Amino acid sequence: MGKGFKEKVYQVVAKITKGEVLSYQDVAKKAGSPKACRAVGNIMNRHHIKGLPCHRVIRSDASVGGYFWGTKKKIKRLKEEGVKIESGKVIGFKKRK
C-alpha cells in the first residue's frame, strides 16, 4: 500500500454521491486492495482534502463508524443527505460480496 493506493481511495470516495454510502471494505475493493479496509479507515481519518465526502464511508456491519468531527456529526450529515439511520446503523445497507 503506497501513495498510489491512497490516491485511489480518494478517487473512490470522491465519487460516492449524496445519499449513498460505501463500507470501508467496498472502498478498499474498488481501490484495488480488497483486504485493506483498515487502511481505508486510516486514510479517511488522516486526510485533509476539503470536500471529500468521507462521512459517506461506513462499516460493513452498517454502523456509521468513526468520524474526525465525531459520530453525532457524521450521523447528522448523513441524515441531511437522506440516509436513514437507526440505533447508529444505516437502514437498508447491504454488505456487498
N, C-alpha and C. Protein backbone atom coordinates (compact mmCIF):
# COMPACT_ATOMS: atom_id res chain seq x y z
N MET A 1 0.84 -1.17 0.00
CA MET A 1 0.00 0.00 0.00
C MET A 1 0.89 1.23 0.00
N GLY A 2 0.85 1.97 -1.02
CA GLY A 2 1.66 3.18 -1.06
C GLY A 2 0.80 4.38 -1.37
N LYS A 3 1.47 5.40 -1.82
CA LYS A 3 0.78 6.64 -2.17
C LYS A 3 -0.26 6.39 -3.24
N GLY A 4 0.01 5.48 -4.16
CA GLY A 4 -0.93 5.17 -5.22
C GLY A 4 -2.26 4.66 -4.69
N PHE A 5 -2.19 3.81 -3.66
CA PHE A 5 -3.42 3.29 -3.06
C PHE A 5 -4.22 4.42 -2.42
N LYS A 6 -3.55 5.29 -1.72
CA LYS A 6 -4.22 6.42 -1.07
C LYS A 6 -4.97 7.27 -2.10
N GLU A 7 -4.31 7.53 -3.22
CA GLU A 7 -4.94 8.34 -4.28
C GLU A 7 -6.16 7.61 -4.85
N LYS A 8 -6.06 6.29 -5.00
CA LYS A 8 -7.20 5.52 -5.49
C LYS A 8 -8.36 5.59 -4.50
N VAL A 9 -8.06 5.52 -3.21
CA VAL A 9 -9.09 5.62 -2.18
C VAL A 9 -9.79 6.98 -2.29
N TYR A 10 -9.01 8.04 -2.42
CA TYR A 10 -9.59 9.38 -2.56
C TYR A 10 -10.52 9.45 -3.78
N GLN A 11 -10.09 8.84 -4.89
CA GLN A 11 -10.90 8.85 -6.11
C GLN A 11 -12.22 8.12 -5.90
N VAL A 12 -12.17 6.96 -5.25
CA VAL A 12 -13.38 6.18 -4.99
C VAL A 12 -14.33 6.96 -4.09
N VAL A 13 -13.81 7.49 -3.01
CA VAL A 13 -14.65 8.21 -2.05
C VAL A 13 -15.24 9.47 -2.67
N ALA A 14 -14.47 10.15 -3.50
CA ALA A 14 -14.96 11.37 -4.15
C ALA A 14 -16.17 11.10 -5.04
N LYS A 15 -16.32 9.87 -5.50
CA LYS A 15 -17.43 9.51 -6.40
C LYS A 15 -18.68 9.03 -5.67
N ILE A 16 -18.63 8.91 -4.35
CA ILE A 16 -19.81 8.49 -3.60
C ILE A 16 -20.79 9.66 -3.60
N THR A 17 -21.95 9.44 -4.16
CA THR A 17 -22.90 10.53 -4.31
C THR A 17 -23.72 10.76 -3.05
N LYS A 18 -24.28 11.94 -2.98
CA LYS A 18 -25.12 12.34 -1.86
C LYS A 18 -26.23 11.31 -1.65
N GLY A 19 -26.41 10.87 -0.40
CA GLY A 19 -27.45 9.90 -0.09
C GLY A 19 -27.02 8.45 -0.21
N GLU A 20 -25.79 8.23 -0.66
CA GLU A 20 -25.26 6.88 -0.78
C GLU A 20 -24.15 6.67 0.25
N VAL A 21 -23.88 5.42 0.57
CA VAL A 21 -22.76 5.08 1.44
C VAL A 21 -22.05 3.86 0.87
N LEU A 22 -20.78 3.74 1.18
CA LEU A 22 -19.99 2.54 0.89
C LEU A 22 -19.31 2.14 2.18
N SER A 23 -19.03 0.87 2.33
CA SER A 23 -18.27 0.43 3.50
C SER A 23 -16.78 0.64 3.23
N TYR A 24 -16.01 0.62 4.31
CA TYR A 24 -14.56 0.71 4.17
C TYR A 24 -14.07 -0.43 3.27
N GLN A 25 -14.68 -1.60 3.41
CA GLN A 25 -14.32 -2.75 2.59
C GLN A 25 -14.67 -2.51 1.12
N ASP A 26 -15.84 -1.92 0.85
CA ASP A 26 -16.22 -1.59 -0.52
C ASP A 26 -15.19 -0.67 -1.16
N VAL A 27 -14.79 0.35 -0.40
CA VAL A 27 -13.81 1.31 -0.91
C VAL A 27 -12.48 0.61 -1.19
N ALA A 28 -12.06 -0.25 -0.27
CA ALA A 28 -10.80 -0.99 -0.46
C ALA A 28 -10.86 -1.82 -1.74
N LYS A 29 -11.97 -2.52 -1.96
CA LYS A 29 -12.13 -3.35 -3.16
C LYS A 29 -12.06 -2.49 -4.41
N LYS A 30 -12.81 -1.39 -4.42
CA LYS A 30 -12.85 -0.51 -5.60
C LYS A 30 -11.49 0.14 -5.86
N ALA A 31 -10.69 0.29 -4.79
CA ALA A 31 -9.36 0.89 -4.93
C ALA A 31 -8.31 -0.16 -5.30
N GLY A 32 -8.72 -1.43 -5.39
CA GLY A 32 -7.82 -2.48 -5.85
C GLY A 32 -7.14 -3.31 -4.78
N SER A 33 -7.48 -3.10 -3.51
CA SER A 33 -6.89 -3.89 -2.43
C SER A 33 -7.99 -4.34 -1.47
N PRO A 34 -8.70 -5.41 -1.83
CA PRO A 34 -9.89 -5.82 -1.09
C PRO A 34 -9.72 -6.09 0.41
N LYS A 35 -8.52 -6.38 0.85
CA LYS A 35 -8.32 -6.66 2.28
C LYS A 35 -7.82 -5.45 3.06
N ALA A 36 -7.79 -4.30 2.43
CA ALA A 36 -7.20 -3.12 3.05
C ALA A 36 -8.23 -2.18 3.68
N CYS A 37 -9.29 -2.75 4.26
CA CYS A 37 -10.34 -1.89 4.82
C CYS A 37 -9.84 -1.06 6.00
N ARG A 38 -8.94 -1.60 6.82
CA ARG A 38 -8.37 -0.81 7.93
C ARG A 38 -7.54 0.34 7.40
N ALA A 39 -6.81 0.08 6.34
CA ALA A 39 -6.01 1.15 5.72
C ALA A 39 -6.92 2.26 5.21
N VAL A 40 -8.06 1.89 4.64
CA VAL A 40 -9.02 2.89 4.17
C VAL A 40 -9.49 3.74 5.35
N GLY A 41 -9.80 3.09 6.46
CA GLY A 41 -10.22 3.83 7.66
C GLY A 41 -9.15 4.81 8.12
N ASN A 42 -7.91 4.38 8.10
CA ASN A 42 -6.82 5.26 8.50
C ASN A 42 -6.65 6.42 7.52
N ILE A 43 -6.78 6.13 6.25
CA ILE A 43 -6.68 7.19 5.24
C ILE A 43 -7.80 8.20 5.44
N MET A 44 -9.00 7.72 5.68
CA MET A 44 -10.13 8.63 5.90
C MET A 44 -9.92 9.47 7.16
N ASN A 45 -9.33 8.89 8.18
CA ASN A 45 -9.11 9.59 9.44
C ASN A 45 -8.05 10.68 9.32
N ARG A 46 -7.11 10.51 8.40
CA ARG A 46 -5.96 11.42 8.33
C ARG A 46 -6.00 12.39 7.15
N HIS A 47 -6.98 12.29 6.29
CA HIS A 47 -6.95 13.15 5.09
C HIS A 47 -7.25 14.61 5.45
N HIS A 48 -6.81 15.50 4.58
CA HIS A 48 -7.05 16.94 4.75
C HIS A 48 -7.59 17.52 3.45
N ILE A 49 -8.42 16.77 2.76
CA ILE A 49 -8.94 17.21 1.47
C ILE A 49 -10.31 17.83 1.68
N LYS A 50 -10.40 19.11 1.47
CA LYS A 50 -11.66 19.81 1.65
C LYS A 50 -12.69 19.28 0.64
N GLY A 51 -13.86 18.96 1.15
CA GLY A 51 -14.94 18.50 0.28
C GLY A 51 -14.98 17.00 0.03
N LEU A 52 -13.99 16.25 0.50
CA LEU A 52 -14.02 14.79 0.33
C LEU A 52 -15.11 14.22 1.22
N PRO A 53 -16.08 13.52 0.65
CA PRO A 53 -17.23 13.05 1.44
C PRO A 53 -16.94 11.79 2.26
N CYS A 54 -15.95 11.88 3.14
CA CYS A 54 -15.55 10.72 3.94
C CYS A 54 -16.64 10.29 4.90
N HIS A 55 -17.60 11.17 5.18
CA HIS A 55 -18.72 10.80 6.06
C HIS A 55 -19.61 9.74 5.42
N ARG A 56 -19.45 9.50 4.13
CA ARG A 56 -20.25 8.52 3.41
C ARG A 56 -19.64 7.12 3.43
N VAL A 57 -18.56 6.95 4.18
CA VAL A 57 -17.91 5.65 4.31
C VAL A 57 -18.26 5.10 5.69
N ILE A 58 -18.83 3.89 5.71
CA ILE A 58 -19.31 3.29 6.95
C ILE A 58 -18.70 1.89 7.13
N ARG A 59 -19.00 1.28 8.24
CA ARG A 59 -18.53 -0.09 8.49
C ARG A 59 -19.40 -1.09 7.73
N SER A 60 -18.85 -2.25 7.46
CA SER A 60 -19.58 -3.25 6.68
C SER A 60 -20.77 -3.84 7.44
N ASP A 61 -20.82 -3.65 8.76
CA ASP A 61 -21.99 -4.12 9.52
C ASP A 61 -23.11 -3.07 9.55
N ALA A 62 -22.96 -2.02 8.74
CA ALA A 62 -23.91 -0.92 8.58
C ALA A 62 -23.82 0.13 9.68
N SER A 63 -22.95 -0.05 10.68
CA SER A 63 -22.79 1.00 11.68
C SER A 63 -21.99 2.15 11.07
N VAL A 64 -22.24 3.35 11.54
CA VAL A 64 -21.66 4.52 10.88
C VAL A 64 -20.15 4.63 11.03
N GLY A 65 -19.59 4.05 12.07
CA GLY A 65 -18.15 4.13 12.24
C GLY A 65 -17.70 5.48 12.75
N GLY A 66 -16.40 5.69 12.75
CA GLY A 66 -15.84 6.92 13.28
C GLY A 66 -15.88 8.07 12.31
N TYR A 67 -15.54 9.23 12.84
CA TYR A 67 -15.53 10.47 12.05
C TYR A 67 -14.69 11.47 12.81
N PHE A 68 -13.84 12.19 12.14
CA PHE A 68 -12.94 13.14 12.76
C PHE A 68 -13.68 14.13 13.67
N TRP A 69 -14.85 14.58 13.23
CA TRP A 69 -15.63 15.57 13.98
C TRP A 69 -16.66 14.91 14.90
N GLY A 70 -16.60 13.61 15.06
CA GLY A 70 -17.49 12.90 15.97
C GLY A 70 -18.63 12.19 15.26
N THR A 71 -19.05 11.10 15.85
CA THR A 71 -20.09 10.26 15.27
C THR A 71 -21.42 11.00 15.14
N LYS A 72 -21.76 11.84 16.12
CA LYS A 72 -23.03 12.57 16.05
C LYS A 72 -23.08 13.46 14.81
N LYS A 73 -21.97 14.12 14.50
CA LYS A 73 -21.93 14.98 13.32
C LYS A 73 -22.01 14.15 12.04
N LYS A 74 -21.37 12.98 12.04
CA LYS A 74 -21.43 12.10 10.87
C LYS A 74 -22.87 11.66 10.62
N ILE A 75 -23.55 11.25 11.68
CA ILE A 75 -24.95 10.83 11.56
C ILE A 75 -25.81 11.99 11.07
N LYS A 76 -25.59 13.16 11.61
CA LYS A 76 -26.35 14.35 11.20
C LYS A 76 -26.16 14.63 9.71
N ARG A 77 -24.91 14.60 9.26
CA ARG A 77 -24.63 14.87 7.84
C ARG A 77 -25.28 13.82 6.94
N LEU A 78 -25.19 12.56 7.32
CA LEU A 78 -25.80 11.50 6.52
C LEU A 78 -27.32 11.66 6.46
N LYS A 79 -27.93 11.94 7.60
CA LYS A 79 -29.38 12.14 7.64
C LYS A 79 -29.80 13.33 6.78
N GLU A 80 -29.01 14.40 6.79
CA GLU A 80 -29.30 15.57 5.95
C GLU A 80 -29.27 15.21 4.47
N GLU A 81 -28.53 14.17 4.12
CA GLU A 81 -28.43 13.72 2.73
C GLU A 81 -29.47 12.66 2.40
N GLY A 82 -30.32 12.32 3.37
CA GLY A 82 -31.38 11.37 3.11
C GLY A 82 -31.10 9.94 3.51
N VAL A 83 -29.96 9.70 4.13
CA VAL A 83 -29.61 8.34 4.59
C VAL A 83 -30.39 8.07 5.87
N LYS A 84 -31.05 6.94 5.92
CA LYS A 84 -31.84 6.57 7.10
C LYS A 84 -30.95 5.81 8.08
N ILE A 85 -30.94 6.30 9.32
CA ILE A 85 -30.10 5.71 10.36
C ILE A 85 -30.94 5.48 11.60
N GLU A 86 -30.78 4.30 12.16
CA GLU A 86 -31.48 3.95 13.39
C GLU A 86 -30.52 3.20 14.30
N SER A 87 -30.44 3.62 15.54
CA SER A 87 -29.53 3.00 16.52
C SER A 87 -28.09 2.92 16.00
N GLY A 88 -27.66 3.96 15.31
CA GLY A 88 -26.29 4.03 14.82
C GLY A 88 -25.97 3.21 13.60
N LYS A 89 -27.03 2.64 12.96
CA LYS A 89 -26.81 1.81 11.76
C LYS A 89 -27.61 2.36 10.58
N VAL A 90 -27.01 2.24 9.39
CA VAL A 90 -27.67 2.68 8.17
C VAL A 90 -28.72 1.65 7.79
N ILE A 91 -29.95 2.10 7.70
CA ILE A 91 -31.07 1.23 7.35
C ILE A 91 -31.00 0.88 5.86
N GLY A 92 -31.13 -0.40 5.57
CA GLY A 92 -31.15 -0.86 4.18
C GLY A 92 -29.78 -1.10 3.57
N PHE A 93 -28.70 -0.89 4.33
CA PHE A 93 -27.37 -1.13 3.78
C PHE A 93 -27.13 -2.63 3.67
N LYS A 94 -26.73 -3.06 2.51
CA LYS A 94 -26.44 -4.48 2.27
C LYS A 94 -24.95 -4.65 2.06
N LYS A 95 -24.38 -5.57 2.79
CA LYS A 95 -22.97 -5.90 2.63
C LYS A 95 -22.78 -6.52 1.25
N ARG A 96 -21.83 -5.97 0.51
CA ARG A 96 -21.56 -6.48 -0.84
C ARG A 96 -20.58 -7.64 -0.75
N LYS A 97 -20.69 -8.56 -1.69
CA LYS A 97 -19.78 -9.72 -1.70
C LYS A 97 -18.68 -9.53 -2.68
